[in-house]
Amino acid sequence: MRPLGVTLVGFYQILRGILSLLFGLSIMLFTGLAAKLASLAAEGNAVENILRTFGHVAGLAIIVFGLVHMLAGYGVLQMQNWGRLLTLLFSAIGLVLVLPGAVHGNIFSLFFGVVNAASILYLAMPPIKRAFHAEGNPLRMAA
């Protein structure tokens, strides 16, 4: 049986993935409009092409990270160790990325920093780590 904390961490990762997916899609959608407006202001096509390409690449990268977050959440919910490791990695990256906002007292950065730190600490606890290693092997579960 899966512990409640593991379920919460898994759903949090899936939620992060969905939000990243929506954010990446919105970047890709609105990049065309922003590029067109910049092109009109600069009276040239080069600015439009650069902005459109940059927006599509950035949006695609965010979408890929969102999909990996969702995959990590699925792995955690299935009690797979690779999902735990992927969640640890992305929570650590997320913790580093919110530090500048947390230093300035941004409430959202503080909240997500605390949630990322709690996820890291929880998944690194020895009993939880053992649960991930024991889930697939019946001999380990008996020991």
N, C-alpha and C. Protein backbone atom coordinates (compact mmCIF):
# COMPACT_ATOMS: atom_id res chain seq x y z
N MET A 1 0.83 -1.18 0.00
CA MET A 1 0.00 0.00 0.00
C MET A 1 0.88 1.25 0.00
N ARG A 2 0.43 2.24 -0.74
CA ARG A 2 1.18 3.48 -0.90
C ARG A 2 0.90 4.43 0.26
N PRO A 3 1.96 5.01 0.85
CA PRO A 3 1.74 6.00 1.92
C PRO A 3 1.06 7.26 1.38
N LEU A 4 0.34 7.95 2.26
CA LEU A 4 -0.39 9.15 1.87
C LEU A 4 0.55 10.24 1.35
N GLY A 5 1.71 10.40 1.97
CA GLY A 5 2.67 11.41 1.53
C GLY A 5 3.15 11.16 0.10
N VAL A 6 3.34 9.90 -0.24
CA VAL A 6 3.76 9.56 -1.61
C VAL A 6 2.66 9.93 -2.59
N THR A 7 1.42 9.68 -2.22
CA THR A 7 0.29 10.05 -3.08
C THR A 7 0.24 11.56 -3.28
N LEU A 8 0.43 12.30 -2.21
CA LEU A 8 0.41 13.77 -2.32
C LEU A 8 1.55 14.29 -3.20
N VAL A 9 2.74 13.73 -3.03
CA VAL A 9 3.89 14.15 -3.85
C VAL A 9 3.64 13.80 -5.32
N GLY A 10 3.08 12.62 -5.57
CA GLY A 10 2.78 12.22 -6.95
C GLY A 10 1.78 13.13 -7.62
N PHE A 11 0.70 13.46 -6.90
CA PHE A 11 -0.30 14.36 -7.47
C PHE A 11 0.24 15.77 -7.64
N TYR A 12 1.12 16.20 -6.74
CA TYR A 12 1.76 17.51 -6.88
C TYR A 12 2.60 17.55 -8.15
N GLN A 13 3.34 16.49 -8.43
CA GLN A 13 4.16 16.45 -9.64
C GLN A 13 3.28 16.48 -10.88
N ILE A 14 2.17 15.76 -10.86
CA ILE A 14 1.27 15.76 -12.01
C ILE A 14 0.65 17.15 -12.19
N LEU A 15 0.29 17.80 -11.09
CA LEU A 15 -0.25 19.16 -11.18
C LEU A 15 0.79 20.13 -11.74
N ARG A 16 2.04 20.00 -11.29
CA ARG A 16 3.12 20.84 -11.85
C ARG A 16 3.26 20.60 -13.34
N GLY A 17 3.14 19.35 -13.75
CA GLY A 17 3.25 19.03 -15.16
C GLY A 17 2.12 19.63 -15.98
N ILE A 18 0.91 19.55 -15.46
CA ILE A 18 -0.24 20.12 -16.18
C ILE A 18 -0.11 21.63 -16.29
N LEU A 19 0.30 22.28 -15.20
CA LEU A 19 0.47 23.74 -15.24
C LEU A 19 1.59 24.14 -16.21
N SER A 20 2.67 23.37 -16.23
CA SER A 20 3.76 23.65 -17.16
C SER A 20 3.31 23.45 -18.60
N LEU A 21 2.52 22.42 -18.82
CA LEU A 21 2.00 22.15 -20.15
C LEU A 21 1.13 23.31 -20.63
N LEU A 22 0.24 23.79 -19.77
CA LEU A 22 -0.62 24.92 -20.13
C LEU A 22 0.19 26.19 -20.36
N PHE A 23 1.20 26.41 -19.51
CA PHE A 23 2.04 27.59 -19.66
C PHE A 23 2.83 27.54 -20.97
N GLY A 24 3.39 26.39 -21.29
CA GLY A 24 4.14 26.24 -22.54
C GLY A 24 3.25 26.44 -23.76
N LEU A 25 2.04 25.89 -23.71
CA LEU A 25 1.11 26.08 -24.83
C LEU A 25 0.70 27.54 -24.98
N SER A 26 0.51 28.23 -23.85
CA SER A 26 0.14 29.65 -23.95
C SER A 26 1.29 30.48 -24.50
N ILE A 27 2.51 30.13 -24.13
CA ILE A 27 3.66 30.84 -24.70
C ILE A 27 3.71 30.65 -26.20
N MET A 28 3.52 29.42 -26.65
CA MET A 28 3.55 29.16 -28.09
C MET A 28 2.41 29.86 -28.80
N LEU A 29 1.25 29.93 -28.16
CA LEU A 29 0.08 30.56 -28.78
C LEU A 29 0.25 32.07 -28.91
N PHE A 30 0.72 32.72 -27.84
CA PHE A 30 0.79 34.18 -27.85
C PHE A 30 2.10 34.72 -28.40
N THR A 31 3.06 33.86 -28.70
CA THR A 31 4.31 34.33 -29.29
C THR A 31 4.08 34.91 -30.69
N GLY A 32 3.18 34.30 -31.43
CA GLY A 32 2.89 34.80 -32.78
C GLY A 32 2.36 36.21 -32.75
N LEU A 33 1.45 36.49 -31.82
CA LEU A 33 0.88 37.83 -31.70
C LEU A 33 1.95 38.84 -31.26
N ALA A 34 2.75 38.47 -30.29
CA ALA A 34 3.80 39.37 -29.80
C ALA A 34 4.84 39.63 -30.89
N ALA A 35 5.18 38.59 -31.65
CA ALA A 35 6.15 38.76 -32.72
C ALA A 35 5.60 39.68 -33.81
N LYS A 36 4.32 39.55 -34.12
CA LYS A 36 3.71 40.40 -35.13
C LYS A 36 3.69 41.86 -34.68
N LEU A 37 3.36 42.10 -33.41
CA LEU A 37 3.36 43.47 -32.90
C LEU A 37 4.77 44.06 -32.88
N ALA A 38 5.76 43.26 -32.50
CA ALA A 38 7.14 43.74 -32.50
C ALA A 38 7.61 44.03 -33.92
N SER A 39 7.16 43.23 -34.86
CA SER A 39 7.53 43.44 -36.27
C SER A 39 6.95 44.76 -36.78
N LEU A 40 5.73 45.05 -36.38
CA LEU A 40 5.12 46.31 -36.81
C LEU A 40 5.84 47.50 -36.20
N ALA A 41 6.27 47.36 -34.96
CA ALA A 41 6.97 48.46 -34.29
C ALA A 41 8.36 48.66 -34.87
N ALA A 42 9.02 47.58 -35.25
CA ALA A 42 10.38 47.68 -35.77
C ALA A 42 10.43 47.81 -37.28
N GLU A 43 9.30 47.65 -37.93
CA GLU A 43 9.20 47.71 -39.39
C GLU A 43 10.17 46.74 -40.06
N GLY A 44 10.11 45.50 -39.64
CA GLY A 44 10.97 44.50 -40.27
C GLY A 44 10.53 43.10 -39.91
N ASN A 45 10.94 42.16 -40.76
CA ASN A 45 10.57 40.76 -40.57
C ASN A 45 11.57 40.00 -39.71
N ALA A 46 12.80 40.49 -39.59
CA ALA A 46 13.82 39.76 -38.84
C ALA A 46 13.45 39.65 -37.36
N VAL A 47 12.94 40.72 -36.79
CA VAL A 47 12.54 40.70 -35.39
C VAL A 47 11.40 39.71 -35.18
N GLU A 48 10.46 39.70 -36.11
CA GLU A 48 9.33 38.79 -36.00
C GLU A 48 9.80 37.34 -36.02
N ASN A 49 10.70 37.01 -36.93
CA ASN A 49 11.18 35.63 -37.03
C ASN A 49 11.97 35.21 -35.80
N ILE A 50 12.79 36.12 -35.28
CA ILE A 50 13.60 35.79 -34.09
C ILE A 50 12.68 35.56 -32.88
N LEU A 51 11.73 36.47 -32.67
CA LEU A 51 10.82 36.32 -31.53
C LEU A 51 9.95 35.08 -31.65
N ARG A 52 9.46 34.82 -32.85
CA ARG A 52 8.60 33.65 -33.05
C ARG A 52 9.39 32.36 -32.79
N THR A 53 10.62 32.29 -33.30
CA THR A 53 11.44 31.10 -33.08
C THR A 53 11.78 30.92 -31.61
N PHE A 54 12.18 32.02 -30.96
CA PHE A 54 12.51 31.94 -29.53
C PHE A 54 11.30 31.50 -28.71
N GLY A 55 10.14 32.06 -29.00
CA GLY A 55 8.93 31.71 -28.27
C GLY A 55 8.54 30.26 -28.45
N HIS A 56 8.66 29.76 -29.66
CA HIS A 56 8.31 28.36 -29.92
C HIS A 56 9.30 27.41 -29.25
N VAL A 57 10.57 27.74 -29.27
CA VAL A 57 11.58 26.90 -28.61
C VAL A 57 11.37 26.91 -27.10
N ALA A 58 11.14 28.09 -26.53
CA ALA A 58 10.91 28.18 -25.08
C ALA A 58 9.63 27.45 -24.69
N GLY A 59 8.58 27.63 -25.45
CA GLY A 59 7.32 26.93 -25.17
C GLY A 59 7.46 25.43 -25.27
N LEU A 60 8.19 24.97 -26.27
CA LEU A 60 8.40 23.53 -26.43
C LEU A 60 9.24 22.96 -25.29
N ALA A 61 10.24 23.71 -24.85
CA ALA A 61 11.06 23.25 -23.72
C ALA A 61 10.22 23.15 -22.45
N ILE A 62 9.36 24.12 -22.21
CA ILE A 62 8.50 24.08 -21.03
C ILE A 62 7.51 22.92 -21.12
N ILE A 63 7.00 22.65 -22.30
CA ILE A 63 6.10 21.51 -22.49
C ILE A 63 6.81 20.20 -22.20
N VAL A 64 8.04 20.06 -22.67
CA VAL A 64 8.81 18.84 -22.42
C VAL A 64 9.04 18.66 -20.92
N PHE A 65 9.42 19.73 -20.22
CA PHE A 65 9.60 19.64 -18.78
C PHE A 65 8.28 19.29 -18.08
N GLY A 66 7.17 19.83 -18.57
CA GLY A 66 5.87 19.49 -18.00
C GLY A 66 5.54 18.02 -18.18
N LEU A 67 5.85 17.48 -19.34
CA LEU A 67 5.61 16.05 -19.58
C LEU A 67 6.49 15.18 -18.69
N VAL A 68 7.72 15.61 -18.47
CA VAL A 68 8.62 14.85 -17.58
C VAL A 68 8.11 14.93 -16.14
N HIS A 69 7.58 16.08 -15.72
CA HIS A 69 6.98 16.19 -14.39
C HIS A 69 5.81 15.22 -14.25
N MET A 70 4.97 15.14 -15.27
CA MET A 70 3.84 14.23 -15.21
C MET A 70 4.31 12.78 -15.19
N LEU A 71 5.34 12.47 -15.93
CA LEU A 71 5.91 11.13 -15.92
C LEU A 71 6.49 10.79 -14.54
N ALA A 72 7.16 11.76 -13.92
CA ALA A 72 7.71 11.55 -12.57
C ALA A 72 6.57 11.32 -11.57
N GLY A 73 5.51 12.07 -11.69
CA GLY A 73 4.36 11.88 -10.80
C GLY A 73 3.74 10.51 -10.97
N TYR A 74 3.64 10.06 -12.21
CA TYR A 74 3.12 8.72 -12.47
C TYR A 74 4.04 7.67 -11.86
N GLY A 75 5.34 7.84 -12.01
CA GLY A 75 6.29 6.90 -11.43
C GLY A 75 6.21 6.86 -9.92
N VAL A 76 6.02 8.01 -9.28
CA VAL A 76 5.88 8.04 -7.83
C VAL A 76 4.59 7.34 -7.41
N LEU A 77 3.51 7.61 -8.12
CA LEU A 77 2.25 6.96 -7.77
C LEU A 77 2.30 5.44 -7.97
N GLN A 78 3.13 4.99 -8.91
CA GLN A 78 3.29 3.55 -9.13
C GLN A 78 4.36 2.94 -8.25
N MET A 79 4.94 3.77 -7.35
CA MET A 79 5.98 3.33 -6.41
C MET A 79 7.23 2.82 -7.14
N GLN A 80 7.58 3.48 -8.23
CA GLN A 80 8.78 3.14 -8.99
C GLN A 80 9.92 4.03 -8.51
N ASN A 81 11.10 3.44 -8.31
CA ASN A 81 12.23 4.21 -7.80
C ASN A 81 12.68 5.28 -8.79
N TRP A 82 12.56 5.02 -10.10
CA TRP A 82 12.96 6.03 -11.08
C TRP A 82 12.05 7.26 -10.96
N GLY A 83 10.80 7.07 -10.62
CA GLY A 83 9.89 8.21 -10.41
C GLY A 83 10.30 9.01 -9.19
N ARG A 84 10.74 8.31 -8.14
CA ARG A 84 11.20 8.99 -6.92
C ARG A 84 12.45 9.81 -7.22
N LEU A 85 13.38 9.21 -7.96
CA LEU A 85 14.63 9.92 -8.29
C LEU A 85 14.37 11.11 -9.20
N LEU A 86 13.49 10.94 -10.17
CA LEU A 86 13.14 12.04 -11.07
C LEU A 86 12.45 13.17 -10.30
N THR A 87 11.61 12.81 -9.36
CA THR A 87 10.94 13.81 -8.54
C THR A 87 11.94 14.54 -7.65
N LEU A 88 12.88 13.81 -7.09
CA LEU A 88 13.93 14.46 -6.29
C LEU A 88 14.72 15.45 -7.13
N LEU A 89 15.08 15.05 -8.34
CA LEU A 89 15.84 15.92 -9.23
C LEU A 89 15.06 17.18 -9.58
N PHE A 90 13.82 17.03 -10.01
CA PHE A 90 13.04 18.19 -10.43
C PHE A 90 12.61 19.06 -9.25
N SER A 91 12.43 18.47 -8.09
CA SER A 91 12.13 19.29 -6.91
C SER A 91 13.36 20.10 -6.51
N ALA A 92 14.54 19.52 -6.63
CA ALA A 92 15.77 20.26 -6.33
C ALA A 92 15.97 21.40 -7.32
N ILE A 93 15.72 21.14 -8.59
CA ILE A 93 15.83 22.20 -9.60
C ILE A 93 14.81 23.30 -9.32
N GLY A 94 13.58 22.89 -8.99
CA GLY A 94 12.53 23.86 -8.68
C GLY A 94 12.87 24.69 -7.45
N LEU A 95 13.50 24.04 -6.46
CA LEU A 95 13.90 24.76 -5.25
C LEU A 95 14.95 25.82 -5.56
N VAL A 96 15.90 25.50 -6.42
CA VAL A 96 16.93 26.47 -6.81
C VAL A 96 16.31 27.61 -7.61
N LEU A 97 15.35 27.30 -8.47
CA LEU A 97 14.74 28.33 -9.31
C LEU A 97 13.87 29.31 -8.54
N VAL A 98 13.28 28.87 -7.41
CA VAL A 98 12.43 29.79 -6.65
C VAL A 98 13.19 30.57 -5.59
N LEU A 99 14.47 30.27 -5.39
CA LEU A 99 15.24 30.97 -4.37
C LEU A 99 15.29 32.49 -4.56
N PRO A 100 15.53 33.01 -5.76
CA PRO A 100 15.56 34.47 -5.90
C PRO A 100 14.24 35.13 -5.49
N GLY A 101 13.12 34.54 -5.85
CA GLY A 101 11.84 35.10 -5.45
C GLY A 101 11.59 34.96 -3.97
N ALA A 102 12.04 33.84 -3.39
CA ALA A 102 11.85 33.62 -1.95
C ALA A 102 12.68 34.61 -1.13
N VAL A 103 13.86 34.94 -1.62
CA VAL A 103 14.72 35.90 -0.92
C VAL A 103 14.04 37.27 -0.86
N HIS A 104 13.31 37.62 -1.91
CA HIS A 104 12.62 38.90 -1.94
C HIS A 104 11.25 38.86 -1.29
N GLY A 105 10.88 37.73 -0.72
CA GLY A 105 9.63 37.63 0.02
C GLY A 105 8.40 37.37 -0.82
N ASN A 106 8.54 36.91 -2.04
CA ASN A 106 7.40 36.58 -2.87
C ASN A 106 6.68 35.38 -2.24
N ILE A 107 5.41 35.54 -1.94
CA ILE A 107 4.67 34.51 -1.21
C ILE A 107 4.54 33.22 -2.01
N PHE A 108 4.38 33.32 -3.34
CA PHE A 108 4.27 32.13 -4.17
C PHE A 108 5.60 31.38 -4.22
N SER A 109 6.70 32.11 -4.31
CA SER A 109 8.01 31.47 -4.31
C SER A 109 8.27 30.78 -2.97
N LEU A 110 7.88 31.44 -1.90
CA LEU A 110 8.05 30.82 -0.58
C LEU A 110 7.23 29.54 -0.47
N PHE A 111 5.98 29.59 -0.93
CA PHE A 111 5.11 28.42 -0.86
C PHE A 111 5.68 27.25 -1.66
N PHE A 112 6.04 27.52 -2.92
CA PHE A 112 6.55 26.44 -3.77
C PHE A 112 7.92 25.97 -3.30
N GLY A 113 8.71 26.86 -2.71
CA GLY A 113 9.98 26.45 -2.14
C GLY A 113 9.79 25.49 -0.97
N VAL A 114 8.82 25.80 -0.12
CA VAL A 114 8.52 24.92 1.02
C VAL A 114 8.00 23.57 0.54
N VAL A 115 7.12 23.58 -0.47
CA VAL A 115 6.57 22.32 -0.98
C VAL A 115 7.68 21.48 -1.64
N ASN A 116 8.56 22.12 -2.40
CA ASN A 116 9.67 21.38 -3.01
C ASN A 116 10.62 20.81 -1.95
N ALA A 117 10.93 21.62 -0.94
CA ALA A 117 11.81 21.14 0.13
C ALA A 117 11.16 20.00 0.89
N ALA A 118 9.86 20.10 1.16
CA ALA A 118 9.15 19.03 1.87
C ALA A 118 9.13 17.75 1.03
N SER A 119 8.97 17.89 -0.28
CA SER A 119 8.98 16.72 -1.17
C SER A 119 10.35 16.04 -1.13
N ILE A 120 11.40 16.84 -1.18
CA ILE A 120 12.76 16.27 -1.15
C ILE A 120 13.01 15.56 0.17
N LEU A 121 12.69 16.23 1.27
CA LEU A 121 12.92 15.62 2.58
C LEU A 121 12.09 14.36 2.77
N TYR A 122 10.86 14.38 2.33
CA TYR A 122 9.98 13.21 2.50
C TYR A 122 10.47 12.02 1.68
N LEU A 123 10.80 12.27 0.42
CA LEU A 123 11.22 11.16 -0.44
C LEU A 123 12.61 10.64 -0.10
N ALA A 124 13.40 11.43 0.65
CA ALA A 124 14.73 11.00 1.04
C ALA A 124 14.73 10.27 2.38
N MET A 125 13.60 10.24 3.07
CA MET A 125 13.52 9.54 4.35
C MET A 125 13.76 8.03 4.14
N PRO A 126 14.55 7.41 5.02
CA PRO A 126 14.87 5.98 4.85
C PRO A 126 13.65 5.06 4.74
N PRO A 127 12.58 5.21 5.54
CA PRO A 127 11.45 4.29 5.37
C PRO A 127 10.76 4.44 4.01
N ILE A 128 10.68 5.66 3.52
CA ILE A 128 10.05 5.89 2.22
C ILE A 128 10.94 5.34 1.11
N LYS A 129 12.23 5.54 1.24
CA LYS A 129 13.17 5.01 0.27
C LYS A 129 13.08 3.48 0.23
N ARG A 130 12.99 2.85 1.40
CA ARG A 130 12.85 1.39 1.45
C ARG A 130 11.54 0.94 0.82
N ALA A 131 10.47 1.72 1.02
CA ALA A 131 9.18 1.36 0.43
C ALA A 131 9.25 1.34 -1.09
N PHE A 132 10.00 2.26 -1.66
CA PHE A 132 10.14 2.30 -3.11
C PHE A 132 10.97 1.12 -3.62
N HIS A 133 11.97 0.73 -2.85
CA HIS A 133 12.81 -0.40 -3.27
C HIS A 133 12.12 -1.73 -3.03
N ALA A 134 11.27 -1.81 -2.03
CA ALA A 134 10.64 -3.08 -1.66
C ALA A 134 9.37 -3.35 -2.43
N GLU A 135 8.78 -2.36 -3.05
CA GLU A 135 7.46 -2.52 -3.65
C GLU A 135 7.44 -3.58 -4.75
N GLY A 136 8.47 -3.63 -5.58
CA GLY A 136 8.44 -4.55 -6.71
C GLY A 136 8.97 -5.94 -6.40
N ASN A 137 9.68 -6.13 -5.31
CA ASN A 137 10.33 -7.39 -5.02
C ASN A 137 9.69 -8.04 -3.80
N PRO A 138 8.98 -9.16 -3.97
CA PRO A 138 8.30 -9.79 -2.84
C PRO A 138 9.25 -10.28 -1.77
N LEU A 139 10.48 -10.66 -2.14
CA LEU A 139 11.45 -11.12 -1.15
C LEU A 139 11.89 -9.98 -0.24
N ARG A 140 12.04 -8.80 -0.79
CA ARG A 140 12.43 -7.64 0.00
C ARG A 140 11.28 -7.19 0.91
N MET A 141 10.05 -7.35 0.42
CA MET A 141 8.90 -6.94 1.22
C MET A 141 8.78 -7.80 2.48
N ALA A 142 9.16 -9.07 2.38
CA ALA A 142 9.06 -9.98 3.52
C ALA A 142 10.15 -9.70 4.54
N ALA A 143 11.27 -9.13 4.12
CA ALA A 143 12.39 -8.92 5.03
C ALA A 143 12.19 -7.75 5.94
